[in-house]
Amino acid sequence: MDLSQQDWKKQLDRDQNAVILDVRTSDECSDGIIPQAIFNDIYKGQLFIDKLNELDISKNYYVYCKAGARSAQACVIMNQMGFENTYNLVGGFMKWIGDVAFMED
């Protein structure tokens, strides 16, 4: 499900079963990440799928990329794999208005 920046953040803030999933490349993550995000680069193909298979499908996944297209694609893939609750951040990290963290080198 596509959610606006405001709705995504509001829903995330009150969701006790939430997992944030960043599907950008590691280079893109150097611009910062949404705090507590799990990194899984969608461009990694089978490795991306393998990492998804390690996740708990009963959780609610808040997925984002740089602009929103790859995360929408990731949500479709995840839904096909049995994940019931996936939320795409419309506009992606480029439009993010919340806190930002930086990955450790």
PDB file of N, CA and C in Angstrom:
ATOM      1  N   MET A   1       0.841  -1.181   0.000  1.00  0.00           N
ATOM      2  CA  MET A   1       0.000   0.000   0.000  1.00  0.00           C
ATOM      3  C   MET A   1       0.889   1.249   0.000  1.00  0.00           C
ATOM      4  N   ASP A   2       0.613   2.155  -0.890  1.00  0.00           N
ATOM      5  CA  ASP A   2       1.351   3.420  -0.945  1.00  0.00           C
ATOM      6  C   ASP A   2       0.826   4.368   0.128  1.00  0.00           C
ATOM      7  N   LEU A   3       1.739   4.962   0.883  1.00  0.00           N
ATOM      8  CA  LEU A   3       1.361   5.954   1.884  1.00  0.00           C
ATOM      9  C   LEU A   3       2.164   7.231   1.669  1.00  0.00           C
ATOM     10  N   SER A   4       1.513   8.353   1.876  1.00  0.00           N
ATOM     11  CA  SER A   4       2.216   9.638   1.804  1.00  0.00           C
ATOM     12  C   SER A   4       3.247   9.699   2.918  1.00  0.00           C
ATOM     13  N   GLN A   5       4.176  10.629   2.811  1.00  0.00           N
ATOM     14  CA  GLN A   5       5.191  10.815   3.847  1.00  0.00           C
ATOM     15  C   GLN A   5       4.547  10.956   5.221  1.00  0.00           C
ATOM     16  N   GLN A   6       3.543  11.812   5.322  1.00  0.00           N
ATOM     17  CA  GLN A   6       2.896  12.095   6.599  1.00  0.00           C
ATOM     18  C   GLN A   6       2.188  10.856   7.150  1.00  0.00           C
ATOM     19  N   ASP A   7       1.426  10.162   6.307  1.00  0.00           N
ATOM     20  CA  ASP A   7       0.690   8.978   6.752  1.00  0.00           C
ATOM     21  C   ASP A   7       1.631   7.835   7.119  1.00  0.00           C
ATOM     22  N   TRP A   8       2.707   7.662   6.331  1.00  0.00           N
ATOM     23  CA  TRP A   8       3.692   6.600   6.577  1.00  0.00           C
ATOM     24  C   TRP A   8       4.322   6.802   7.947  1.00  0.00           C
ATOM     25  N   LYS A   9       4.750   8.034   8.232  1.00  0.00           N
ATOM     26  CA  LYS A   9       5.416   8.329   9.499  1.00  0.00           C
ATOM     27  C   LYS A   9       4.433   8.219  10.663  1.00  0.00           C
ATOM     28  N   LYS A  10       3.226   8.728  10.485  1.00  0.00           N
ATOM     29  CA  LYS A  10       2.221   8.688  11.553  1.00  0.00           C
ATOM     30  C   LYS A  10       1.866   7.232  11.898  1.00  0.00           C
ATOM     31  N   GLN A  11       1.666   6.420  10.873  1.00  0.00           N
ATOM     32  CA  GLN A  11       1.318   5.015  11.094  1.00  0.00           C
ATOM     33  C   GLN A  11       2.505   4.269  11.714  1.00  0.00           C
ATOM     34  N   LEU A  12       3.710   4.533  11.216  1.00  0.00           N
ATOM     35  CA  LEU A  12       4.920   3.901  11.740  1.00  0.00           C
ATOM     36  C   LEU A  12       5.112   4.218  13.218  1.00  0.00           C
ATOM     37  N   ASP A  13       4.911   5.469  13.578  1.00  0.00           N
ATOM     38  CA  ASP A  13       5.136   5.908  14.959  1.00  0.00           C
ATOM     39  C   ASP A  13       4.240   5.187  15.969  1.00  0.00           C
ATOM     40  N   ARG A  14       3.067   4.736  15.542  1.00  0.00           N
ATOM     41  CA  ARG A  14       2.169   4.074  16.489  1.00  0.00           C
ATOM     42  C   ARG A  14       2.067   2.557  16.277  1.00  0.00           C
ATOM     43  N   ASP A  15       2.888   2.011  15.391  1.00  0.00           N
ATOM     44  CA  ASP A  15       2.853   0.580  15.071  1.00  0.00           C
ATOM     45  C   ASP A  15       3.884  -0.178  15.912  1.00  0.00           C
ATOM     46  N   GLN A  16       3.404  -0.999  16.837  1.00  0.00           N
ATOM     47  CA  GLN A  16       4.291  -1.769  17.713  1.00  0.00           C
ATOM     48  C   GLN A  16       4.880  -2.994  17.016  1.00  0.00           C
ATOM     49  N   ASN A  17       4.414  -3.287  15.820  1.00  0.00           N
ATOM     50  CA  ASN A  17       4.849  -4.475  15.075  1.00  0.00           C
ATOM     51  C   ASN A  17       5.593  -4.077  13.799  1.00  0.00           C
ATOM     52  N   ALA A  18       6.197  -2.883  13.814  1.00  0.00           N
ATOM     53  CA  ALA A  18       6.787  -2.314  12.602  1.00  0.00           C
ATOM     54  C   ALA A  18       8.243  -2.710  12.396  1.00  0.00           C
ATOM     55  N   VAL A  19       8.593  -2.882  11.116  1.00  0.00           N
ATOM     56  CA  VAL A  19       9.983  -3.039  10.685  1.00  0.00           C
ATOM     57  C   VAL A  19      10.173  -2.089   9.511  1.00  0.00           C
ATOM     58  N   ILE A  20      11.251  -1.299   9.554  1.00  0.00           N
ATOM     59  CA  ILE A  20      11.566  -0.381   8.456  1.00  0.00           C
ATOM     60  C   ILE A  20      12.573  -1.070   7.544  1.00  0.00           C
ATOM     61  N   LEU A  21      12.287  -1.071   6.254  1.00  0.00           N
ATOM     62  CA  LEU A  21      13.140  -1.746   5.279  1.00  0.00           C
ATOM     63  C   LEU A  21      13.615  -0.748   4.218  1.00  0.00           C
ATOM     64  N   ASP A  22      14.931  -0.592   4.121  1.00  0.00           N
ATOM     65  CA  ASP A  22      15.566   0.296   3.142  1.00  0.00           C
ATOM     66  C   ASP A  22      16.063  -0.570   1.991  1.00  0.00           C
ATOM     67  N   VAL A  23      15.541  -0.349   0.776  1.00  0.00           N
ATOM     68  CA  VAL A  23      15.922  -1.189  -0.364  1.00  0.00           C
ATOM     69  C   VAL A  23      16.840  -0.463  -1.348  1.00  0.00           C
ATOM     70  N   ARG A  24      17.495   0.614  -0.891  1.00  0.00           N
ATOM     71  CA  ARG A  24      18.422   1.361  -1.743  1.00  0.00           C
ATOM     72  C   ARG A  24      19.780   0.652  -1.825  1.00  0.00           C
ATOM     73  N   THR A  25      20.664   1.197  -2.652  1.00  0.00           N
ATOM     74  CA  THR A  25      22.040   0.692  -2.728  1.00  0.00           C
ATOM     75  C   THR A  25      22.834   1.214  -1.541  1.00  0.00           C
ATOM     76  N   SER A  26      23.952   0.580  -1.249  1.00  0.00           N
ATOM     77  CA  SER A  26      24.772   1.037  -0.121  1.00  0.00           C
ATOM     78  C   SER A  26      25.304   2.449  -0.372  1.00  0.00           C
ATOM     79  N   ASP A  27      25.595   2.795  -1.626  1.00  0.00           N
ATOM     80  CA  ASP A  27      26.036   4.160  -1.940  1.00  0.00           C
ATOM     81  C   ASP A  27      24.957   5.175  -1.591  1.00  0.00           C
ATOM     82  N   GLU A  28      23.708   4.860  -1.902  1.00  0.00           N
ATOM     83  CA  GLU A  28      22.604   5.769  -1.593  1.00  0.00           C
ATOM     84  C   GLU A  28      22.428   5.932  -0.083  1.00  0.00           C
ATOM     85  N   CYS A  29      22.735   4.896   0.663  1.00  0.00           N
ATOM     86  CA  CYS A  29      22.584   4.954   2.120  1.00  0.00           C
ATOM     87  C   CYS A  29      23.606   5.884   2.766  1.00  0.00           C
ATOM     88  N   SER A  30      24.639   6.246   2.048  1.00  0.00           N
ATOM     89  CA  SER A  30      25.625   7.184   2.598  1.00  0.00           C
ATOM     90  C   SER A  30      25.011   8.565   2.816  1.00  0.00           C
ATOM     91  N   ASP A  31      23.854   8.827   2.177  1.00  0.00           N
ATOM     92  CA  ASP A  31      23.123  10.087   2.390  1.00  0.00           C
ATOM     93  C   ASP A  31      22.349  10.073   3.699  1.00  0.00           C
ATOM     94  N   GLY A  32      22.327   8.931   4.362  1.00  0.00           N
ATOM     95  CA  GLY A  32      21.590   8.760   5.602  1.00  0.00           C
ATOM     96  C   GLY A  32      20.509   7.718   5.437  1.00  0.00           C
ATOM     97  N   ILE A  33      20.004   7.238   6.577  1.00  0.00           N
ATOM     98  CA  ILE A  33      18.933   6.247   6.576  1.00  0.00           C
ATOM     99  C   ILE A  33      17.866   6.678   7.583  1.00  0.00           C
ATOM    100  N   ILE A  34      16.701   6.115   7.469  1.00  0.00           N
ATOM    101  CA  ILE A  34      15.674   6.319   8.480  1.00  0.00           C
ATOM    102  C   ILE A  34      16.076   5.449   9.677  1.00  0.00           C
ATOM    103  N   PRO A  35      16.123   6.012  10.882  1.00  0.00           N
ATOM    104  CA  PRO A  35      16.604   5.253  12.045  1.00  0.00           C
ATOM    105  C   PRO A  35      15.924   3.889  12.201  1.00  0.00           C
ATOM    106  N   GLN A  36      16.725   2.899  12.580  1.00  0.00           N
ATOM    107  CA  GLN A  36      16.330   1.504  12.790  1.00  0.00           C
ATOM    108  C   GLN A  36      15.999   0.740  11.506  1.00  0.00           C
ATOM    109  N   ALA A  37      16.310   1.313  10.353  1.00  0.00           N
ATOM    110  CA  ALA A  37      16.018   0.614   9.100  1.00  0.00           C
ATOM    111  C   ALA A  37      16.944  -0.585   8.911  1.00  0.00           C
ATOM    112  N   ILE A  38      16.363  -1.644   8.348  1.00  0.00           N
ATOM    113  CA  ILE A  38      17.129  -2.812   7.907  1.00  0.00           C
ATOM    114  C   ILE A  38      17.474  -2.565   6.445  1.00  0.00           C
ATOM    115  N   PHE A  39      18.719  -2.800   6.069  1.00  0.00           N
ATOM    116  CA  PHE A  39      19.171  -2.568   4.698  1.00  0.00           C
ATOM    117  C   PHE A  39      19.077  -3.860   3.891  1.00  0.00           C
ATOM    118  N   ASN A  40      18.458  -3.788   2.713  1.00  0.00           N
ATOM    119  CA  ASN A  40      18.387  -4.919   1.788  1.00  0.00           C
ATOM    120  C   ASN A  40      18.246  -4.370   0.380  1.00  0.00           C
ATOM    121  N   ASP A  41      19.356  -4.290  -0.344  1.00  0.00           N
ATOM    122  CA  ASP A  41      19.422  -3.708  -1.689  1.00  0.00           C
ATOM    123  C   ASP A  41      18.627  -4.544  -2.693  1.00  0.00           C
ATOM    124  N   ILE A  42      17.559  -3.953  -3.237  1.00  0.00           N
ATOM    125  CA  ILE A  42      16.701  -4.667  -4.191  1.00  0.00           C
ATOM    126  C   ILE A  42      17.456  -5.046  -5.467  1.00  0.00           C
ATOM    127  N   TYR A  43      18.522  -4.328  -5.810  1.00  0.00           N
ATOM    128  CA  TYR A  43      19.291  -4.637  -7.009  1.00  0.00           C
ATOM    129  C   TYR A  43      20.145  -5.898  -6.868  1.00  0.00           C
ATOM    130  N   LYS A  44      20.173  -6.509  -5.683  1.00  0.00           N
ATOM    131  CA  LYS A  44      20.997  -7.702  -5.453  1.00  0.00           C
ATOM    132  C   LYS A  44      20.324  -8.994  -5.920  1.00  0.00           C
ATOM    133  N   GLY A  45      19.114  -8.890  -6.489  1.00  0.00           N
ATOM    134  CA  GLY A  45      18.467 -10.068  -7.078  1.00  0.00           C
ATOM    135  C   GLY A  45      18.173 -11.165  -6.074  1.00  0.00           C
ATOM    136  N   GLN A  46      18.766 -12.334  -6.296  1.00  0.00           N
ATOM    137  CA  GLN A  46      18.493 -13.489  -5.446  1.00  0.00           C
ATOM    138  C   GLN A  46      18.912 -13.238  -3.998  1.00  0.00           C
ATOM    139  N   LEU A  47      19.982 -12.481  -3.790  1.00  0.00           N
ATOM    140  CA  LEU A  47      20.405 -12.151  -2.428  1.00  0.00           C
ATOM    141  C   LEU A  47      19.322 -11.331  -1.718  1.00  0.00           C
ATOM    142  N   PHE A  48      18.678 -10.438  -2.458  1.00  0.00           N
ATOM    143  CA  PHE A  48      17.548  -9.661  -1.922  1.00  0.00           C
ATOM    144  C   PHE A  48      16.438 -10.606  -1.465  1.00  0.00           C
ATOM    145  N   ILE A  49      16.087 -11.572  -2.316  1.00  0.00           N
ATOM    146  CA  ILE A  49      15.039 -12.553  -2.004  1.00  0.00           C
ATOM    147  C   ILE A  49      15.442 -13.394  -0.795  1.00  0.00           C
ATOM    148  N   ASP A  50      16.698 -13.833  -0.775  1.00  0.00           N
ATOM    149  CA  ASP A  50      17.180 -14.647   0.347  1.00  0.00           C
ATOM    150  C   ASP A  50      17.045 -13.900   1.669  1.00  0.00           C
ATOM    151  N   LYS A  51      17.384 -12.614   1.674  1.00  0.00           N
ATOM    152  CA  LYS A  51      17.259 -11.816   2.906  1.00  0.00           C
ATOM    153  C   LYS A  51      15.798 -11.630   3.295  1.00  0.00           C
ATOM    154  N   LEU A  52      14.918 -11.479   2.300  1.00  0.00           N
ATOM    155  CA  LEU A  52      13.483 -11.373   2.606  1.00  0.00           C
ATOM    156  C   LEU A  52      12.990 -12.656   3.271  1.00  0.00           C
ATOM    157  N   ASN A  53      13.493 -13.798   2.810  1.00  0.00           N
ATOM    158  CA  ASN A  53      13.075 -15.084   3.365  1.00  0.00           C
ATOM    159  C   ASN A  53      13.459 -15.236   4.832  1.00  0.00           C
ATOM    160  N   GLU A  54      14.420 -14.440   5.306  1.00  0.00           N
ATOM    161  CA  GLU A  54      14.855 -14.496   6.702  1.00  0.00           C
ATOM    162  C   GLU A  54      13.964 -13.639   7.612  1.00  0.00           C
ATOM    163  N   LEU A  55      13.099 -12.826   7.019  1.00  0.00           N
ATOM    164  CA  LEU A  55      12.266 -11.907   7.804  1.00  0.00           C
ATOM    165  C   LEU A  55      10.972 -12.569   8.284  1.00  0.00           C
ATOM    166  N   ASP A  56      10.426 -12.047   9.352  1.00  0.00           N
ATOM    167  CA  ASP A  56       9.179 -12.524   9.944  1.00  0.00           C
ATOM    168  C   ASP A  56       8.005 -11.933   9.161  1.00  0.00           C
ATOM    169  N   ILE A  57       7.252 -12.783   8.453  1.00  0.00           N
ATOM    170  CA  ILE A  57       6.165 -12.261   7.609  1.00  0.00           C
ATOM    171  C   ILE A  57       4.980 -11.742   8.415  1.00  0.00           C
ATOM    172  N   SER A  58       4.968 -11.977   9.731  1.00  0.00           N
ATOM    173  CA  SER A  58       3.855 -11.476  10.549  1.00  0.00           C
ATOM    174  C   SER A  58       4.045 -10.008  10.954  1.00  0.00           C
ATOM    175  N   LYS A  59       5.215  -9.442  10.659  1.00  0.00           N
ATOM    176  CA  LYS A  59       5.485  -8.039  10.988  1.00  0.00           C
ATOM    177  C   LYS A  59       4.880  -7.127   9.916  1.00  0.00           C
ATOM    178  N   ASN A  60       4.819  -5.827  10.237  1.00  0.00           N
ATOM    179  CA  ASN A  60       4.372  -4.803   9.282  1.00  0.00           C
ATOM    180  C   ASN A  60       5.617  -4.110   8.742  1.00  0.00           C
ATOM    181  N   TYR A  61       5.789  -4.114   7.433  1.00  0.00           N
ATOM    182  CA  TYR A  61       7.004  -3.589   6.816  1.00  0.00           C
ATOM    183  C   TYR A  61       6.775  -2.235   6.160  1.00  0.00           C
ATOM    184  N   TYR A  62       7.572  -1.272   6.585  1.00  0.00           N
ATOM    185  CA  TYR A  62       7.562   0.087   6.052  1.00  0.00           C
ATOM    186  C   TYR A  62       8.781   0.196   5.146  1.00  0.00           C
ATOM    187  N   VAL A  63       8.526   0.223   3.835  1.00  0.00           N
ATOM    188  CA  VAL A  63       9.586   0.065   2.842  1.00  0.00           C
ATOM    189  C   VAL A  63       9.841   1.392   2.133  1.00  0.00           C
ATOM    190  N   TYR A  64      11.133   1.694   1.945  1.00  0.00           N
ATOM    191  CA  TYR A  64      11.469   2.917   1.211  1.00  0.00           C
ATOM    192  C   TYR A  64      12.726   2.733   0.374  1.00  0.00           C
ATOM    193  N   CYS A  65      12.840   3.586  -0.648  1.00  0.00           N
ATOM    194  CA  CYS A  65      14.035   3.672  -1.485  1.00  0.00           C
ATOM    195  C   CYS A  65      14.327   5.161  -1.668  1.00  0.00           C
ATOM    196  N   LYS A  66      14.982   5.509  -2.750  1.00  0.00           N
ATOM    197  CA  LYS A  66      15.325   6.922  -2.956  1.00  0.00           C
ATOM    198  C   LYS A  66      14.102   7.753  -3.344  1.00  0.00           C
ATOM    199  N   ALA A  67      13.296   7.251  -4.290  1.00  0.00           N
ATOM    200  CA  ALA A  67      12.174   8.040  -4.801  1.00  0.00           C
ATOM    201  C   ALA A  67      10.811   7.364  -4.690  1.00  0.00           C
ATOM    202  N   GLY A  68      10.777   6.077  -4.367  1.00  0.00           N
ATOM    203  CA  GLY A  68       9.508   5.391  -4.179  1.00  0.00           C
ATOM    204  C   GLY A  68       9.187   4.291  -5.176  1.00  0.00           C
ATOM    205  N   ALA A  69       9.906   4.225  -6.297  1.00  0.00           N
ATOM    206  CA  ALA A  69       9.592   3.213  -7.316  1.00  0.00           C
ATOM    207  C   ALA A  69      10.102   1.829  -6.929  1.00  0.00           C
ATOM    208  N   ARG A  70      11.355   1.733  -6.515  1.00  0.00           N
ATOM    209  CA  ARG A  70      11.908   0.426  -6.137  1.00  0.00           C
ATOM    210  C   ARG A  70      11.220  -0.128  -4.900  1.00  0.00           C
ATOM    211  N   SER A  71      10.881   0.749  -3.967  1.00  0.00           N
ATOM    212  CA  SER A  71      10.201   0.266  -2.759  1.00  0.00           C
ATOM    213  C   SER A  71       8.799  -0.237  -3.097  1.00  0.00           C
ATOM    214  N   ALA A  72       8.140   0.387  -4.057  1.00  0.00           N
ATOM    215  CA  ALA A  72       6.827  -0.107  -4.506  1.00  0.00           C
ATOM    216  C   ALA A  72       6.998  -1.500  -5.106  1.00  0.00           C
ATOM    217  N   GLN A  73       8.055  -1.685  -5.896  1.00  0.00           N
ATOM    218  CA  GLN A  73       8.356  -2.983  -6.497  1.00  0.00           C
ATOM    219  C   GLN A  73       8.669  -4.006  -5.397  1.00  0.00           C
ATOM    220  N   ALA A  74       9.426  -3.594  -4.394  1.00  0.00           N
ATOM    221  CA  ALA A  74       9.759  -4.489  -3.278  1.00  0.00           C
ATOM    222  C   ALA A  74       8.490  -4.929  -2.548  1.00  0.00           C
ATOM    223  N   CYS A  75       7.545  -4.010  -2.362  1.00  0.00           N
ATOM    224  CA  CYS A  75       6.285  -4.356  -1.696  1.00  0.00           C
ATOM    225  C   CYS A  75       5.517  -5.412  -2.491  1.00  0.00           C
ATOM    226  N   VAL A  76       5.502  -5.282  -3.812  1.00  0.00           N
ATOM    227  CA  VAL A  76       4.817  -6.264  -4.662  1.00  0.00           C
ATOM    228  C   VAL A  76       5.479  -7.631  -4.502  1.00  0.00           C
ATOM    229  N   ILE A  77       6.802  -7.677  -4.551  1.00  0.00           N
ATOM    230  CA  ILE A  77       7.544  -8.929  -4.382  1.00  0.00           C
ATOM    231  C   ILE A  77       7.240  -9.538  -3.013  1.00  0.00           C
ATOM    232  N   MET A  78       7.286  -8.708  -1.987  1.00  0.00           N
ATOM    233  CA  MET A  78       7.034  -9.185  -0.628  1.00  0.00           C
ATOM    234  C   MET A  78       5.611  -9.728  -0.489  1.00  0.00           C
ATOM    235  N   ASN A  79       4.635  -9.045  -1.076  1.00  0.00           N
ATOM    236  CA  ASN A  79       3.244  -9.516  -1.030  1.00  0.00           C
ATOM    237  C   ASN A  79       3.124 -10.881  -1.711  1.00  0.00           C
ATOM    238  N   GLN A  80       3.830 -11.063  -2.833  1.00  0.00           N
ATOM    239  CA  GLN A  80       3.805 -12.345  -3.542  1.00  0.00           C
ATOM    240  C   GLN A  80       4.441 -13.452  -2.704  1.00  0.00           C
ATOM    241  N   MET A  81       5.353 -13.072  -1.796  1.00  0.00           N
ATOM    242  CA  MET A  81       6.034 -14.039  -0.936  1.00  0.00           C
ATOM    243  C   MET A  81       5.253 -14.318   0.349  1.00  0.00           C
ATOM    244  N   GLY A  82       4.101 -13.664   0.538  1.00  0.00           N
ATOM    245  CA  GLY A  82       3.281 -13.935   1.702  1.00  0.00           C
ATOM    246  C   GLY A  82       3.276 -12.854   2.770  1.00  0.00           C
ATOM    247  N   PHE A  83       4.036 -11.782   2.565  1.00  0.00           N
ATOM    248  CA  PHE A  83       3.996 -10.654   3.502  1.00  0.00           C
ATOM    249  C   PHE A  83       2.661  -9.940   3.289  1.00  0.00           C
ATOM    250  N   GLU A  84       1.874  -9.802   4.352  1.00  0.00           N
ATOM    251  CA  GLU A  84       0.545  -9.220   4.201  1.00  0.00           C
ATOM    252  C   GLU A  84       0.526  -7.707   4.348  1.00  0.00           C
ATOM    253  N   ASN A  85       1.420  -7.160   5.181  1.00  0.00           N
ATOM    254  CA  ASN A  85       1.381  -5.734   5.473  1.00  0.00           C
ATOM    255  C   ASN A  85       2.678  -5.043   5.066  1.00  0.00           C
ATOM    256  N   THR A  86       2.656  -4.471   3.866  1.00  0.00           N
ATOM    257  CA  THR A  86       3.804  -3.707   3.373  1.00  0.00           C
ATOM    258  C   THR A  86       3.326  -2.317   2.995  1.00  0.00           C
ATOM    259  N   TYR A  87       4.105  -1.323   3.387  1.00  0.00           N
ATOM    260  CA  TYR A  87       3.718   0.072   3.159  1.00  0.00           C
ATOM    261  C   TYR A  87       4.857   0.801   2.459  1.00  0.00           C
ATOM    262  N   ASN A  88       4.578   1.283   1.261  1.00  0.00           N
ATOM    263  CA  ASN A  88       5.562   1.985   0.463  1.00  0.00           C
ATOM    264  C   ASN A  88       5.557   3.479   0.786  1.00  0.00           C
ATOM    265  N   LEU A  89       6.746   4.034   0.984  1.00  0.00           N
ATOM    266  CA  LEU A  89       6.895   5.465   1.255  1.00  0.00           C
ATOM    267  C   LEU A  89       6.912   6.232  -0.069  1.00  0.00           C
ATOM    268  N   VAL A  90       5.793   6.898  -0.386  1.00  0.00           N
ATOM    269  CA  VAL A  90       5.695   7.670  -1.624  1.00  0.00           C
ATOM    270  C   VAL A  90       6.692   8.832  -1.581  1.00  0.00           C
ATOM    271  N   GLY A  91       7.492   8.959  -2.630  1.00  0.00           N
ATOM    272  CA  GLY A  91       8.500  10.017  -2.683  1.00  0.00           C
ATOM    273  C   GLY A  91       9.842   9.591  -2.137  1.00  0.00           C
ATOM    274  N   GLY A  92       9.852   8.481  -1.405  1.00  0.00           N
ATOM    275  CA  GLY A  92      11.100   7.908  -0.913  1.00  0.00           C
ATOM    276  C   GLY A  92      11.885   8.804   0.033  1.00  0.00           C
ATOM    277  N   PHE A  93      13.150   8.443   0.195  1.00  0.00           N
ATOM    278  CA  PHE A  93      14.032   9.140   1.127  1.00  0.00           C
ATOM    279  C   PHE A  93      14.279  10.592   0.707  1.00  0.00           C
ATOM    280  N   MET A  94      14.195  10.858  -0.602  1.00  0.00           N
ATOM    281  CA  MET A  94      14.412  12.228  -1.089  1.00  0.00           C
ATOM    282  C   MET A  94      13.426  13.208  -0.457  1.00  0.00           C
ATOM    283  N   LYS A  95      12.223  12.743  -0.135  1.00  0.00           N
ATOM    284  CA  LYS A  95      11.189  13.611   0.415  1.00  0.00           C
ATOM    285  C   LYS A  95      10.986  13.402   1.921  1.00  0.00           C
ATOM    286  N   TRP A  96      11.814  12.557   2.536  1.00  0.00           N
ATOM    287  CA  TRP A  96      11.656  12.200   3.943  1.00  0.00           C
ATOM    288  C   TRP A  96      11.739  13.432   4.833  1.00  0.00           C
ATOM    289  N   ILE A  97      10.810  13.546   5.777  1.00  0.00           N
ATOM    290  CA  ILE A  97      10.749  14.718   6.644  1.00  0.00           C
ATOM    291  C   ILE A  97      10.997  14.379   8.121  1.00  0.00           C
ATOM    292  N   GLY A  98      11.400  13.129   8.385  1.00  0.00           N
ATOM    293  CA  GLY A  98      11.648  12.707   9.765  1.00  0.00           C
ATOM    294  C   GLY A  98      13.123  12.670  10.108  1.00  0.00           C
ATOM    295  N   ASP A  99      13.441  11.960  11.184  1.00  0.00           N
ATOM    296  CA  ASP A  99      14.824  11.835  11.637  1.00  0.00           C
ATOM    297  C   ASP A  99      15.656  11.054  10.636  1.00  0.00           C
ATOM    298  N   VAL A 100      16.957  11.339  10.623  1.00  0.00           N
ATOM    299  CA  VAL A 100      17.907  10.656   9.743  1.00  0.00           C
ATOM    300  C   VAL A 100      19.086  10.181  10.590  1.00  0.00           C
ATOM    301  N   ALA A 101      19.516   8.963  10.344  1.00  0.00           N
ATOM    302  CA  ALA A 101      20.700   8.418  10.996  1.00  0.00           C
ATOM    303  C   ALA A 101      21.744   8.127   9.910  1.00  0.00           C
ATOM    304  N   PHE A 102      22.963   7.876  10.327  1.00  0.00           N
ATOM    305  CA  PHE A 102      24.017   7.547   9.365  1.00  0.00           C
ATOM    306  C   PHE A 102      24.616   6.201   9.722  1.00  0.00           C
ATOM    307  N   MET A 103      24.848   5.386   8.690  1.00  0.00           N
ATOM    308  CA  MET A 103      25.374   4.040   8.901  1.00  0.00           C
ATOM    309  C   MET A 103      26.830   4.125   9.340  1.00  0.00           C
ATOM    310  N   GLU A 104      27.225   3.150  10.160  1.00  0.00           N
ATOM    311  CA  GLU A 104      28.626   3.065  10.590  1.00  0.00           C
ATOM    312  C   GLU A 104      29.459   2.560   9.423  1.00  0.00           C
ATOM    313  N   ASP A 105      30.647   3.067   9.277  1.00  0.00           N
ATOM    314  CA  ASP A 105      31.537   2.588   8.200  1.00  0.00           C
ATOM    315  C   ASP A 105      32.169   1.274   8.569  1.00  0.00           C
TER     316      ASP A 105
END
